[in-house]
Amino acid sequence: MKVTLKRLNDSYHFEALGASEVPVHIDNKTSDVSLGASPMELLLMGVGGCSAIDVISILKKQRQEITSYRMEVEGDRREEKQAKPFEKIRVTIYLEGEITAAKALRAAELSFEK
């Protein structure tokens, strides 16, 4: 897998492209107007996206009927001057449909175990 980033202005606005060729705009919140998500937001979105695809795939294989799927991903960061890595990431999944609770819980567990 490979992605490329191209700087679009004299600040921190970038366009990233991967194999899908769908542009993703990245920015650092240094001005009032943000032109894209921050790298740390994108990391949380990536965690959420990977898990969401896993959970839905697992539940579909078990013939569970999902009518609504929503996820919240929250990250706690260290308070440092420079790099502020995540110390903890919490994921909350909200499902609706004809879904067995035990199967939904197991699908979420499997998603994060691999």
PDB file of N, CA and C in Angstrom:
ATOM      1  N   MET A   1       0.852  -1.174   0.000  1.00  0.00           N
ATOM      2  CA  MET A   1       0.000   0.000   0.000  1.00  0.00           C
ATOM      3  C   MET A   1       0.896   1.234   0.000  1.00  0.00           C
ATOM      4  N   LYS A   2       0.459   2.230  -0.740  1.00  0.00           N
ATOM      5  CA  LYS A   2       1.242   3.457  -0.850  1.00  0.00           C
ATOM      6  C   LYS A   2       0.294   4.645  -0.974  1.00  0.00           C
ATOM      7  N   VAL A   3       0.637   5.745  -0.319  1.00  0.00           N
ATOM      8  CA  VAL A   3      -0.090   7.002  -0.479  1.00  0.00           C
ATOM      9  C   VAL A   3       0.918   8.102  -0.784  1.00  0.00           C
ATOM     10  N   THR A   4       0.447   9.138  -1.451  1.00  0.00           N
ATOM     11  CA  THR A   4       1.304  10.293  -1.726  1.00  0.00           C
ATOM     12  C   THR A   4       0.624  11.540  -1.170  1.00  0.00           C
ATOM     13  N   LEU A   5       1.435  12.472  -0.706  1.00  0.00           N
ATOM     14  CA  LEU A   5       0.944  13.754  -0.211  1.00  0.00           C
ATOM     15  C   LEU A   5       1.568  14.868  -1.030  1.00  0.00           C
ATOM     16  N   LYS A   6       0.739  15.857  -1.370  1.00  0.00           N
ATOM     17  CA  LYS A   6       1.216  17.019  -2.108  1.00  0.00           C
ATOM     18  C   LYS A   6       0.805  18.267  -1.336  1.00  0.00           C
ATOM     19  N   ARG A   7       1.765  19.136  -1.075  1.00  0.00           N
ATOM     20  CA  ARG A   7       1.482  20.388  -0.368  1.00  0.00           C
ATOM     21  C   ARG A   7       0.748  21.330  -1.315  1.00  0.00           C
ATOM     22  N   LEU A   8      -0.345  21.955  -0.825  1.00  0.00           N
ATOM     23  CA  LEU A   8      -1.186  22.791  -1.681  1.00  0.00           C
ATOM     24  C   LEU A   8      -1.067  24.283  -1.416  1.00  0.00           C
ATOM     25  N   ASN A   9      -0.456  24.668  -0.301  1.00  0.00           N
ATOM     26  CA  ASN A   9      -0.285  26.096  -0.031  1.00  0.00           C
ATOM     27  C   ASN A   9       1.005  26.302   0.749  1.00  0.00           C
ATOM     28  N   ASP A  10       1.239  27.516   1.207  1.00  0.00           N
ATOM     29  CA  ASP A  10       2.487  27.777   1.933  1.00  0.00           C
ATOM     30  C   ASP A  10       2.342  27.509   3.432  1.00  0.00           C
ATOM     31  N   SER A  11       1.251  26.864   3.808  1.00  0.00           N
ATOM     32  CA  SER A  11       1.039  26.528   5.213  1.00  0.00           C
ATOM     33  C   SER A  11       1.054  25.010   5.369  1.00  0.00           C
ATOM     34  N   TYR A  12      -0.018  24.426   5.925  1.00  0.00           N
ATOM     35  CA  TYR A  12      -0.046  22.997   6.243  1.00  0.00           C
ATOM     36  C   TYR A  12      -1.159  22.243   5.525  1.00  0.00           C
ATOM     37  N   HIS A  13      -1.612  22.740   4.396  1.00  0.00           N
ATOM     38  CA  HIS A  13      -2.691  22.085   3.654  1.00  0.00           C
ATOM     39  C   HIS A  13      -2.083  21.118   2.641  1.00  0.00           C
ATOM     40  N   PHE A  14      -2.481  19.839   2.747  1.00  0.00           N
ATOM     41  CA  PHE A  14      -1.985  18.794   1.853  1.00  0.00           C
ATOM     42  C   PHE A  14      -3.152  18.052   1.230  1.00  0.00           C
ATOM     43  N   GLU A  15      -2.895  17.467   0.072  1.00  0.00           N
ATOM     44  CA  GLU A  15      -3.832  16.531  -0.535  1.00  0.00           C
ATOM     45  C   GLU A  15      -3.143  15.181  -0.577  1.00  0.00           C
ATOM     46  N   ALA A  16      -3.821  14.163  -0.054  1.00  0.00           N
ATOM     47  CA  ALA A  16      -3.275  12.807  -0.047  1.00  0.00           C
ATOM     48  C   ALA A  16      -4.070  11.952  -1.023  1.00  0.00           C
ATOM     49  N   LEU A  17      -3.356  11.082  -1.734  1.00  0.00           N
ATOM     50  CA  LEU A  17      -3.991  10.150  -2.666  1.00  0.00           C
ATOM     51  C   LEU A  17      -3.449   8.756  -2.423  1.00  0.00           C
ATOM     52  N   GLY A  18      -4.357   7.790  -2.441  1.00  0.00           N
ATOM     53  CA  GLY A  18      -3.971   6.390  -2.351  1.00  0.00           C
ATOM     54  C   GLY A  18      -4.404   5.673  -3.614  1.00  0.00           C
ATOM     55  N   ALA A  19      -4.431   4.366  -3.566  1.00  0.00           N
ATOM     56  CA  ALA A  19      -4.805   3.556  -4.726  1.00  0.00           C
ATOM     57  C   ALA A  19      -6.225   3.853  -5.202  1.00  0.00           C
ATOM     58  N   SER A  20      -7.102   4.266  -4.291  1.00  0.00           N
ATOM     59  CA  SER A  20      -8.486   4.578  -4.670  1.00  0.00           C
ATOM     60  C   SER A  20      -8.581   5.857  -5.490  1.00  0.00           C
ATOM     61  N   GLU A  21      -7.545   6.671  -5.448  1.00  0.00           N
ATOM     62  CA  GLU A  21      -7.478   7.962  -6.147  1.00  0.00           C
ATOM     63  C   GLU A  21      -8.560   8.941  -5.688  1.00  0.00           C
ATOM     64  N   VAL A  22      -9.049   8.757  -4.476  1.00  0.00           N
ATOM     65  CA  VAL A  22      -9.994   9.696  -3.874  1.00  0.00           C
ATOM     66  C   VAL A  22      -9.177  10.651  -3.012  1.00  0.00           C
ATOM     67  N   PRO A  23      -9.178  11.944  -3.329  1.00  0.00           N
ATOM     68  CA  PRO A  23      -8.341  12.867  -2.560  1.00  0.00           C
ATOM     69  C   PRO A  23      -8.847  13.068  -1.133  1.00  0.00           C
ATOM     70  N   VAL A  24      -7.905  13.148  -0.220  1.00  0.00           N
ATOM     71  CA  VAL A  24      -8.193  13.444   1.177  1.00  0.00           C
ATOM     72  C   VAL A  24      -7.396  14.689   1.529  1.00  0.00           C
ATOM     73  N   HIS A  25      -8.077  15.699   2.054  1.00  0.00           N
ATOM     74  CA  HIS A  25      -7.397  16.935   2.417  1.00  0.00           C
ATOM     75  C   HIS A  25      -6.991  16.900   3.886  1.00  0.00           C
ATOM     76  N   ILE A  26      -5.753  17.284   4.122  1.00  0.00           N
ATOM     77  CA  ILE A  26      -5.167  17.282   5.456  1.00  0.00           C
ATOM     78  C   ILE A  26      -4.722  18.703   5.771  1.00  0.00           C
ATOM     79  N   ASP A  27      -4.981  19.149   6.989  1.00  0.00           N
ATOM     80  CA  ASP A  27      -4.568  20.485   7.396  1.00  0.00           C
ATOM     81  C   ASP A  27      -4.240  20.457   8.883  1.00  0.00           C
ATOM     82  N   ASN A  28      -3.519  21.451   9.302  1.00  0.00           N
ATOM     83  CA  ASN A  28      -3.203  21.633  10.710  1.00  0.00           C
ATOM     84  C   ASN A  28      -3.961  22.867  11.163  1.00  0.00           C
ATOM     85  N   LYS A  29      -4.610  22.805  12.265  1.00  0.00           N
ATOM     86  CA  LYS A  29      -5.463  23.914  12.704  1.00  0.00           C
ATOM     87  C   LYS A  29      -4.628  25.108  13.156  1.00  0.00           C
ATOM     88  N   THR A  30      -4.025  25.790  12.172  1.00  0.00           N
ATOM     89  CA  THR A  30      -3.211  26.968  12.474  1.00  0.00           C
ATOM     90  C   THR A  30      -3.928  28.259  12.112  1.00  0.00           C
ATOM     91  N   SER A  31      -5.102  28.150  11.499  1.00  0.00           N
ATOM     92  CA  SER A  31      -5.866  29.345  11.150  1.00  0.00           C
ATOM     93  C   SER A  31      -7.327  29.116  11.516  1.00  0.00           C
ATOM     94  N   ASP A  32      -8.145  30.146  11.314  1.00  0.00           N
ATOM     95  CA  ASP A  32      -9.568  30.037  11.628  1.00  0.00           C
ATOM     96  C   ASP A  32     -10.290  29.074  10.697  1.00  0.00           C
ATOM     97  N   VAL A  33      -9.809  28.957   9.469  1.00  0.00           N
ATOM     98  CA  VAL A  33     -10.449  28.103   8.477  1.00  0.00           C
ATOM     99  C   VAL A  33      -9.577  26.875   8.240  1.00  0.00           C
ATOM    100  N   SER A  34     -10.134  25.714   8.534  1.00  0.00           N
ATOM    101  CA  SER A  34      -9.413  24.466   8.290  1.00  0.00           C
ATOM    102  C   SER A  34      -9.793  23.948   6.909  1.00  0.00           C
ATOM    103  N   LEU A  35      -8.799  23.539   6.148  1.00  0.00           N
ATOM    104  CA  LEU A  35      -9.033  23.049   4.794  1.00  0.00           C
ATOM    105  C   LEU A  35      -9.036  21.527   4.719  1.00  0.00           C
ATOM    106  N   GLY A  36      -8.984  20.873   5.863  1.00  0.00           N
ATOM    107  CA  GLY A  36      -9.006  19.414   5.903  1.00  0.00           C
ATOM    108  C   GLY A  36      -8.935  18.924   7.332  1.00  0.00           C
ATOM    109  N   ALA A  37      -9.022  17.624   7.477  1.00  0.00           N
ATOM    110  CA  ALA A  37      -8.911  17.016   8.804  1.00  0.00           C
ATOM    111  C   ALA A  37      -7.457  17.029   9.245  1.00  0.00           C
ATOM    112  N   SER A  38      -7.245  17.046  10.549  1.00  0.00           N
ATOM    113  CA  SER A  38      -5.879  16.991  11.072  1.00  0.00           C
ATOM    114  C   SER A  38      -5.368  15.552  10.971  1.00  0.00           C
ATOM    115  N   PRO A  39      -4.057  15.359  10.962  1.00  0.00           N
ATOM    116  CA  PRO A  39      -3.521  13.995  10.921  1.00  0.00           C
ATOM    117  C   PRO A  39      -4.031  13.122  12.071  1.00  0.00           C
ATOM    118  N   MET A  40      -4.194  13.685  13.258  1.00  0.00           N
ATOM    119  CA  MET A  40      -4.670  12.895  14.394  1.00  0.00           C
ATOM    120  C   MET A  40      -6.149  12.529  14.235  1.00  0.00           C
ATOM    121  N   GLU A  41      -6.941  13.437  13.649  1.00  0.00           N
ATOM    122  CA  GLU A  41      -8.336  13.104  13.349  1.00  0.00           C
ATOM    123  C   GLU A  41      -8.390  11.973  12.329  1.00  0.00           C
ATOM    124  N   LEU A  42      -7.524  12.047  11.325  1.00  0.00           N
ATOM    125  CA  LEU A  42      -7.493  11.002  10.304  1.00  0.00           C
ATOM    126  C   LEU A  42      -7.116   9.651  10.895  1.00  0.00           C
ATOM    127  N   LEU A  43      -6.224   9.654  11.878  1.00  0.00           N
ATOM    128  CA  LEU A  43      -5.856   8.405  12.531  1.00  0.00           C
ATOM    129  C   LEU A  43      -7.076   7.786  13.217  1.00  0.00           C
ATOM    130  N   LEU A  44      -7.844   8.606  13.940  1.00  0.00           N
ATOM    131  CA  LEU A  44      -9.057   8.101  14.592  1.00  0.00           C
ATOM    132  C   LEU A  44     -10.082   7.643  13.558  1.00  0.00           C
ATOM    133  N   MET A  45     -10.199   8.376  12.455  1.00  0.00           N
ATOM    134  CA  MET A  45     -11.109   7.969  11.383  1.00  0.00           C
ATOM    135  C   MET A  45     -10.683   6.625  10.793  1.00  0.00           C
ATOM    136  N   GLY A  46      -9.380   6.429  10.650  1.00  0.00           N
ATOM    137  CA  GLY A  46      -8.866   5.162  10.136  1.00  0.00           C
ATOM    138  C   GLY A  46      -9.189   4.003  11.062  1.00  0.00           C
ATOM    139  N   VAL A  47      -9.011   4.214  12.360  1.00  0.00           N
ATOM    140  CA  VAL A  47      -9.367   3.182  13.347  1.00  0.00           C
ATOM    141  C   VAL A  47     -10.853   2.850  13.211  1.00  0.00           C
ATOM    142  N   GLY A  48     -11.671   3.892  13.149  1.00  0.00           N
ATOM    143  CA  GLY A  48     -13.113   3.688  13.029  1.00  0.00           C
ATOM    144  C   GLY A  48     -13.507   3.013  11.734  1.00  0.00           C
ATOM    145  N   GLY A  49     -12.921   3.448  10.632  1.00  0.00           N
ATOM    146  CA  GLY A  49     -13.256   2.867   9.336  1.00  0.00           C
ATOM    147  C   GLY A  49     -12.883   1.398   9.243  1.00  0.00           C
ATOM    148  N   CYS A  50     -11.688   1.058   9.706  1.00  0.00           N
ATOM    149  CA  CYS A  50     -11.251  -0.347   9.677  1.00  0.00           C
ATOM    150  C   CYS A  50     -12.170  -1.216  10.526  1.00  0.00           C
ATOM    151  N   SER A  51     -12.470  -0.747  11.721  1.00  0.00           N
ATOM    152  CA  SER A  51     -13.325  -1.521  12.614  1.00  0.00           C
ATOM    153  C   SER A  51     -14.742  -1.643  12.061  1.00  0.00           C
ATOM    154  N   ALA A  52     -15.280  -0.560  11.523  1.00  0.00           N
ATOM    155  CA  ALA A  52     -16.642  -0.583  10.988  1.00  0.00           C
ATOM    156  C   ALA A  52     -16.776  -1.611   9.870  1.00  0.00           C
ATOM    157  N   ILE A  53     -15.813  -1.633   8.967  1.00  0.00           N
ATOM    158  CA  ILE A  53     -15.857  -2.598   7.866  1.00  0.00           C
ATOM    159  C   ILE A  53     -15.763  -4.020   8.407  1.00  0.00           C
ATOM    160  N   ASP A  54     -14.883  -4.246   9.384  1.00  0.00           N
ATOM    161  CA  ASP A  54     -14.772  -5.569  10.010  1.00  0.00           C
ATOM    162  C   ASP A  54     -16.091  -5.995  10.643  1.00  0.00           C
ATOM    163  N   VAL A  55     -16.648  -5.135  11.485  1.00  0.00           N
ATOM    164  CA  VAL A  55     -17.859  -5.484  12.232  1.00  0.00           C
ATOM    165  C   VAL A  55     -19.012  -5.782  11.278  1.00  0.00           C
ATOM    166  N   ILE A  56     -19.211  -4.930  10.287  1.00  0.00           N
ATOM    167  CA  ILE A  56     -20.312  -5.149   9.345  1.00  0.00           C
ATOM    168  C   ILE A  56     -20.087  -6.427   8.548  1.00  0.00           C
ATOM    169  N   SER A  57     -18.857  -6.673   8.121  1.00  0.00           N
ATOM    170  CA  SER A  57     -18.544  -7.892   7.374  1.00  0.00           C
ATOM    171  C   SER A  57     -18.835  -9.143   8.209  1.00  0.00           C
ATOM    172  N   ILE A  58     -18.401  -9.140   9.454  1.00  0.00           N
ATOM    173  CA  ILE A  58     -18.626 -10.286  10.343  1.00  0.00           C
ATOM    174  C   ILE A  58     -20.122 -10.508  10.558  1.00  0.00           C
ATOM    175  N   LEU A  59     -20.859  -9.436  10.829  1.00  0.00           N
ATOM    176  CA  LEU A  59     -22.291  -9.573  11.092  1.00  0.00           C
ATOM    177  C   LEU A  59     -23.062 -10.003   9.844  1.00  0.00           C
ATOM    178  N   LYS A  60     -22.652  -9.532   8.672  1.00  0.00           N
ATOM    179  CA  LYS A  60     -23.310  -9.961   7.429  1.00  0.00           C
ATOM    180  C   LYS A  60     -23.113 -11.460   7.213  1.00  0.00           C
ATOM    181  N   LYS A  61     -21.901 -11.948   7.485  1.00  0.00           N
ATOM    182  CA  LYS A  61     -21.634 -13.388   7.338  1.00  0.00           C
ATOM    183  C   LYS A  61     -22.499 -14.213   8.284  1.00  0.00           C
ATOM    184  N   GLN A  62     -22.883 -13.620   9.403  1.00  0.00           N
ATOM    185  CA  GLN A  62     -23.743 -14.303  10.376  1.00  0.00           C
ATOM    186  C   GLN A  62     -25.221 -14.027  10.110  1.00  0.00           C
ATOM    187  N   ARG A  63     -25.504 -13.420   8.971  1.00  0.00           N
ATOM    188  CA  ARG A  63     -26.866 -13.104   8.534  1.00  0.00           C
ATOM    189  C   ARG A  63     -27.628 -12.216   9.534  1.00  0.00           C
ATOM    190  N   GLN A  64     -26.908 -11.267  10.107  1.00  0.00           N
ATOM    191  CA  GLN A  64     -27.515 -10.284  10.998  1.00  0.00           C
ATOM    192  C   GLN A  64     -27.947  -9.091  10.144  1.00  0.00           C
ATOM    193  N   GLU A  65     -29.151  -8.592  10.374  1.00  0.00           N
ATOM    194  CA  GLU A  65     -29.705  -7.494   9.580  1.00  0.00           C
ATOM    195  C   GLU A  65     -29.410  -6.155  10.257  1.00  0.00           C
ATOM    196  N   ILE A  66     -28.497  -5.383   9.694  1.00  0.00           N
ATOM    197  CA  ILE A  66     -28.108  -4.086  10.245  1.00  0.00           C
ATOM    198  C   ILE A  66     -28.889  -3.002   9.512  1.00  0.00           C
ATOM    199  N   THR A  67     -29.666  -2.222  10.250  1.00  0.00           N
ATOM    200  CA  THR A  67     -30.399  -1.121   9.621  1.00  0.00           C
ATOM    201  C   THR A  67     -29.738   0.227   9.890  1.00  0.00           C
ATOM    202  N   SER A  68     -28.916   0.297  10.942  1.00  0.00           N
ATOM    203  CA  SER A  68     -28.228   1.548  11.261  1.00  0.00           C
ATOM    204  C   SER A  68     -26.915   1.220  11.967  1.00  0.00           C
ATOM    205  N   TYR A  69     -25.850   1.930  11.568  1.00  0.00           N
ATOM    206  CA  TYR A  69     -24.533   1.738  12.185  1.00  0.00           C
ATOM    207  C   TYR A  69     -23.924   3.112  12.406  1.00  0.00           C
ATOM    208  N   ARG A  70     -23.507   3.361  13.626  1.00  0.00           N
ATOM    209  CA  ARG A  70     -22.829   4.618  13.948  1.00  0.00           C
ATOM    210  C   ARG A  70     -21.742   4.303  14.959  1.00  0.00           C
ATOM    211  N   MET A  71     -20.634   5.011  14.854  1.00  0.00           N
ATOM    212  CA  MET A  71     -19.515   4.776  15.756  1.00  0.00           C
ATOM    213  C   MET A  71     -18.940   6.109  16.203  1.00  0.00           C
ATOM    214  N   GLU A  72     -18.519   6.156  17.453  1.00  0.00           N
ATOM    215  CA  GLU A  72     -17.779   7.305  17.970  1.00  0.00           C
ATOM    216  C   GLU A  72     -16.404   6.807  18.386  1.00  0.00           C
ATOM    217  N   VAL A  73     -15.371   7.509  17.952  1.00  0.00           N
ATOM    218  CA  VAL A  73     -13.997   7.157  18.304  1.00  0.00           C
ATOM    219  C   VAL A  73     -13.390   8.379  18.983  1.00  0.00           C
ATOM    220  N   GLU A  74     -12.955   8.209  20.218  1.00  0.00           N
ATOM    221  CA  GLU A  74     -12.366   9.306  20.993  1.00  0.00           C
ATOM    222  C   GLU A  74     -10.956   8.937  21.409  1.00  0.00           C
ATOM    223  N   GLY A  75     -10.068   9.904  21.330  1.00  0.00           N
ATOM    224  CA  GLY A  75      -8.694   9.663  21.738  1.00  0.00           C
ATOM    225  C   GLY A  75      -8.231  10.656  22.785  1.00  0.00           C
ATOM    226  N   ASP A  76      -7.547  10.156  23.800  1.00  0.00           N
ATOM    227  CA  ASP A  76      -6.923  11.007  24.818  1.00  0.00           C
ATOM    228  C   ASP A  76      -5.450  11.136  24.467  1.00  0.00           C
ATOM    229  N   ARG A  77      -4.973  12.381  24.419  1.00  0.00           N
ATOM    230  CA  ARG A  77      -3.583  12.628  24.045  1.00  0.00           C
ATOM    231  C   ARG A  77      -2.785  13.143  25.225  1.00  0.00           C
ATOM    232  N   ARG A  78      -1.499  12.868  25.185  1.00  0.00           N
ATOM    233  CA  ARG A  78      -0.587  13.400  26.199  1.00  0.00           C
ATOM    234  C   ARG A  78      -0.474  14.901  26.031  1.00  0.00           C
ATOM    235  N   GLU A  79      -0.297  15.584  27.117  1.00  0.00           N
ATOM    236  CA  GLU A  79      -0.089  17.030  27.074  1.00  0.00           C
ATOM    237  C   GLU A  79       1.410  17.311  27.035  1.00  0.00           C
ATOM    238  N   GLU A  80       1.940  17.415  25.850  1.00  0.00           N
ATOM    239  CA  GLU A  80       3.354  17.719  25.644  1.00  0.00           C
ATOM    240  C   GLU A  80       3.450  18.871  24.660  1.00  0.00           C
ATOM    241  N   LYS A  81       4.607  19.490  24.598  1.00  0.00           N
ATOM    242  CA  LYS A  81       4.767  20.639  23.700  1.00  0.00           C
ATOM    243  C   LYS A  81       4.837  20.225  22.235  1.00  0.00           C
ATOM    244  N   GLN A  82       5.533  19.168  21.927  1.00  0.00           N
ATOM    245  CA  GLN A  82       5.702  18.759  20.530  1.00  0.00           C
ATOM    246  C   GLN A  82       4.750  17.613  20.198  1.00  0.00           C
ATOM    247  N   ALA A  83       5.292  16.443  20.034  1.00  0.00           N
ATOM    248  CA  ALA A  83       4.458  15.290  19.682  1.00  0.00           C
ATOM    249  C   ALA A  83       3.499  14.971  20.824  1.00  0.00           C
ATOM    250  N   LYS A  84       2.240  14.780  20.466  1.00  0.00           N
ATOM    251  CA  LYS A  84       1.213  14.464  21.464  1.00  0.00           C
ATOM    252  C   LYS A  84       0.539  13.152  21.071  1.00  0.00           C
ATOM    253  N   PRO A  85       1.192  12.026  21.347  1.00  0.00           N
ATOM    254  CA  PRO A  85       0.613  10.740  20.938  1.00  0.00           C
ATOM    255  C   PRO A  85      -0.648  10.412  21.737  1.00  0.00           C
ATOM    256  N   PHE A  86      -1.461   9.545  21.157  1.00  0.00           N
ATOM    257  CA  PHE A  86      -2.633   9.067  21.878  1.00  0.00           C
ATOM    258  C   PHE A  86      -2.183   8.130  22.991  1.00  0.00           C
ATOM    259  N   GLU A  87      -2.749   8.326  24.159  1.00  0.00           N
ATOM    260  CA  GLU A  87      -2.517   7.416  25.282  1.00  0.00           C
ATOM    261  C   GLU A  87      -3.618   6.367  25.351  1.00  0.00           C
ATOM    262  N   LYS A  88      -4.808   6.771  24.935  1.00  0.00           N
ATOM    263  CA  LYS A  88      -5.965   5.889  25.029  1.00  0.00           C
ATOM    264  C   LYS A  88      -6.931   6.228  23.896  1.00  0.00           C
ATOM    265  N   ILE A  89      -7.509   5.200  23.283  1.00  0.00           N
ATOM    266  CA  ILE A  89      -8.541   5.381  22.258  1.00  0.00           C
ATOM    267  C   ILE A  89      -9.758   4.568  22.679  1.00  0.00           C
ATOM    268  N   ARG A  90     -10.923   5.231  22.709  1.00  0.00           N
ATOM    269  CA  ARG A  90     -12.180   4.576  23.070  1.00  0.00           C
ATOM    270  C   ARG A  90     -13.096   4.546  21.852  1.00  0.00           C
ATOM    271  N   VAL A  91     -13.741   3.413  21.655  1.00  0.00           N
ATOM    272  CA  VAL A  91     -14.660   3.235  20.536  1.00  0.00           C
ATOM    273  C   VAL A  91     -16.019   2.825  21.093  1.00  0.00           C
ATOM    274  N   THR A  92     -17.055   3.514  20.645  1.00  0.00           N
ATOM    275  CA  THR A  92     -18.427   3.159  21.005  1.00  0.00           C
ATOM    276  C   THR A  92     -19.188   2.919  19.710  1.00  0.00           C
ATOM    277  N   ILE A  93     -19.817   1.755  19.616  1.00  0.00           N
ATOM    278  CA  ILE A  93     -20.555   1.372  18.413  1.00  0.00           C
ATOM    279  C   ILE A  93     -22.047   1.341  18.745  1.00  0.00           C
ATOM    280  N   TYR A  94     -22.846   1.954  17.867  1.00  0.00           N
ATOM    281  CA  TYR A  94     -24.300   1.963  18.004  1.00  0.00           C
ATOM    282  C   TYR A  94     -24.883   1.216  16.808  1.00  0.00           C
ATOM    283  N   LEU A  95     -25.574   0.120  17.074  1.00  0.00           N
ATOM    284  CA  LEU A  95     -26.165  -0.706  16.023  1.00  0.00           C
ATOM    285  C   LEU A  95     -27.675  -0.772  16.196  1.00  0.00           C
ATOM    286  N   GLU A  96     -28.374  -0.843  15.072  1.00  0.00           N
ATOM    287  CA  GLU A  96     -29.810  -1.105  15.093  1.00  0.00           C
ATOM    288  C   GLU A  96     -30.104  -2.159  14.049  1.00  0.00           C
ATOM    289  N   GLY A  97     -31.142  -2.934  14.297  1.00  0.00           N
ATOM    290  CA  GLY A  97     -31.564  -3.953  13.355  1.00  0.00           C
ATOM    291  C   GLY A  97     -31.878  -5.254  14.067  1.00  0.00           C
ATOM    292  N   GLU A  98     -32.028  -6.296  13.278  1.00  0.00           N
ATOM    293  CA  GLU A  98     -32.270  -7.635  13.815  1.00  0.00           C
ATOM    294  C   GLU A  98     -30.916  -8.265  14.097  1.00  0.00           C
ATOM    295  N   ILE A  99     -30.345  -7.897  15.247  1.00  0.00           N
ATOM    296  CA  ILE A  99     -28.978  -8.287  15.591  1.00  0.00           C
ATOM    297  C   ILE A  99     -28.980  -8.896  16.988  1.00  0.00           C
ATOM    298  N   THR A 100     -28.339 -10.040  17.118  1.00  0.00           N
ATOM    299  CA  THR A 100     -28.160 -10.661  18.430  1.00  0.00           C
ATOM    300  C   THR A 100     -27.046  -9.922  19.159  1.00  0.00           C
ATOM    301  N   ALA A 101     -27.312  -9.492  20.384  1.00  0.00           N
ATOM    302  CA  ALA A 101     -26.333  -8.704  21.147  1.00  0.00           C
ATOM    303  C   ALA A 101     -25.002  -9.435  21.295  1.00  0.00           C
ATOM    304  N   ALA A 102     -25.046 -10.722  21.572  1.00  0.00           N
ATOM    305  CA  ALA A 102     -23.804 -11.490  21.745  1.00  0.00           C
ATOM    306  C   ALA A 102     -22.986 -11.518  20.453  1.00  0.00           C
ATOM    307  N   LYS A 103     -23.654 -11.613  19.316  1.00  0.00           N
ATOM    308  CA  LYS A 103     -22.942 -11.625  18.029  1.00  0.00           C
ATOM    309  C   LYS A 103     -22.342 -10.253  17.733  1.00  0.00           C
ATOM    310  N   ALA A 104     -23.061  -9.201  18.069  1.00  0.00           N
ATOM    311  CA  ALA A 104     -22.539  -7.848  17.856  1.00  0.00           C
ATOM    312  C   ALA A 104     -21.309  -7.609  18.722  1.00  0.00           C
ATOM    313  N   LEU A 105     -21.378  -8.004  19.977  1.00  0.00           N
ATOM    314  CA  LEU A 105     -20.242  -7.837  20.885  1.00  0.00           C
ATOM    315  C   LEU A 105     -19.040  -8.639  20.398  1.00  0.00           C
ATOM    316  N   ARG A 106     -19.271  -9.865  19.970  1.00  0.00           N
ATOM    317  CA  ARG A 106     -18.170 -10.709  19.491  1.00  0.00           C
ATOM    318  C   ARG A 106     -17.566 -10.130  18.212  1.00  0.00           C
ATOM    319  N   ALA A 107     -18.377  -9.584  17.330  1.00  0.00           N
ATOM    320  CA  ALA A 107     -17.858  -8.970  16.100  1.00  0.00           C
ATOM    321  C   ALA A 107     -16.950  -7.794  16.440  1.00  0.00           C
ATOM    322  N   ALA A 108     -17.358  -6.975  17.403  1.00  0.00           N
ATOM    323  CA  ALA A 108     -16.527  -5.837  17.819  1.00  0.00           C
ATOM    324  C   ALA A 108     -15.226  -6.321  18.445  1.00  0.00           C
ATOM    325  N   GLU A 109     -15.306  -7.337  19.293  1.00  0.00           N
ATOM    326  CA  GLU A 109     -14.094  -7.885  19.916  1.00  0.00           C
ATOM    327  C   GLU A 109     -13.128  -8.416  18.865  1.00  0.00           C
ATOM    328  N   LEU A 110     -13.644  -9.169  17.900  1.00  0.00           N
ATOM    329  CA  LEU A 110     -12.793  -9.721  16.839  1.00  0.00           C
ATOM    330  C   LEU A 110     -12.131  -8.615  16.031  1.00  0.00           C
ATOM    331  N   SER A 111     -12.859  -7.538  15.804  1.00  0.00           N
ATOM    332  CA  SER A 111     -12.320  -6.425  15.028  1.00  0.00           C
ATOM    333  C   SER A 111     -11.082  -5.830  15.679  1.00  0.00           C
ATOM    334  N   PHE A 112     -11.087  -5.743  16.990  1.00  0.00           N
ATOM    335  CA  PHE A 112      -9.966  -5.108  17.683  1.00  0.00           C
ATOM    336  C   PHE A 112      -8.889  -6.084  18.131  1.00  0.00           C
ATOM    337  N   GLU A 113      -9.168  -7.376  18.053  1.00  0.00           N
ATOM    338  CA  GLU A 113      -8.163  -8.365  18.447  1.00  0.00           C
ATOM    339  C   GLU A 113      -7.139  -8.624  17.359  1.00  0.00           C
ATOM    340  N   LYS A 114      -7.525  -8.407  16.107  1.00  0.00           N
ATOM    341  CA  LYS A 114      -6.585  -8.747  15.028  1.00  0.00           C
ATOM    342  C   LYS A 114      -5.615  -7.652  14.723  1.00  0.00           C
TER     343      LYS A 114
END
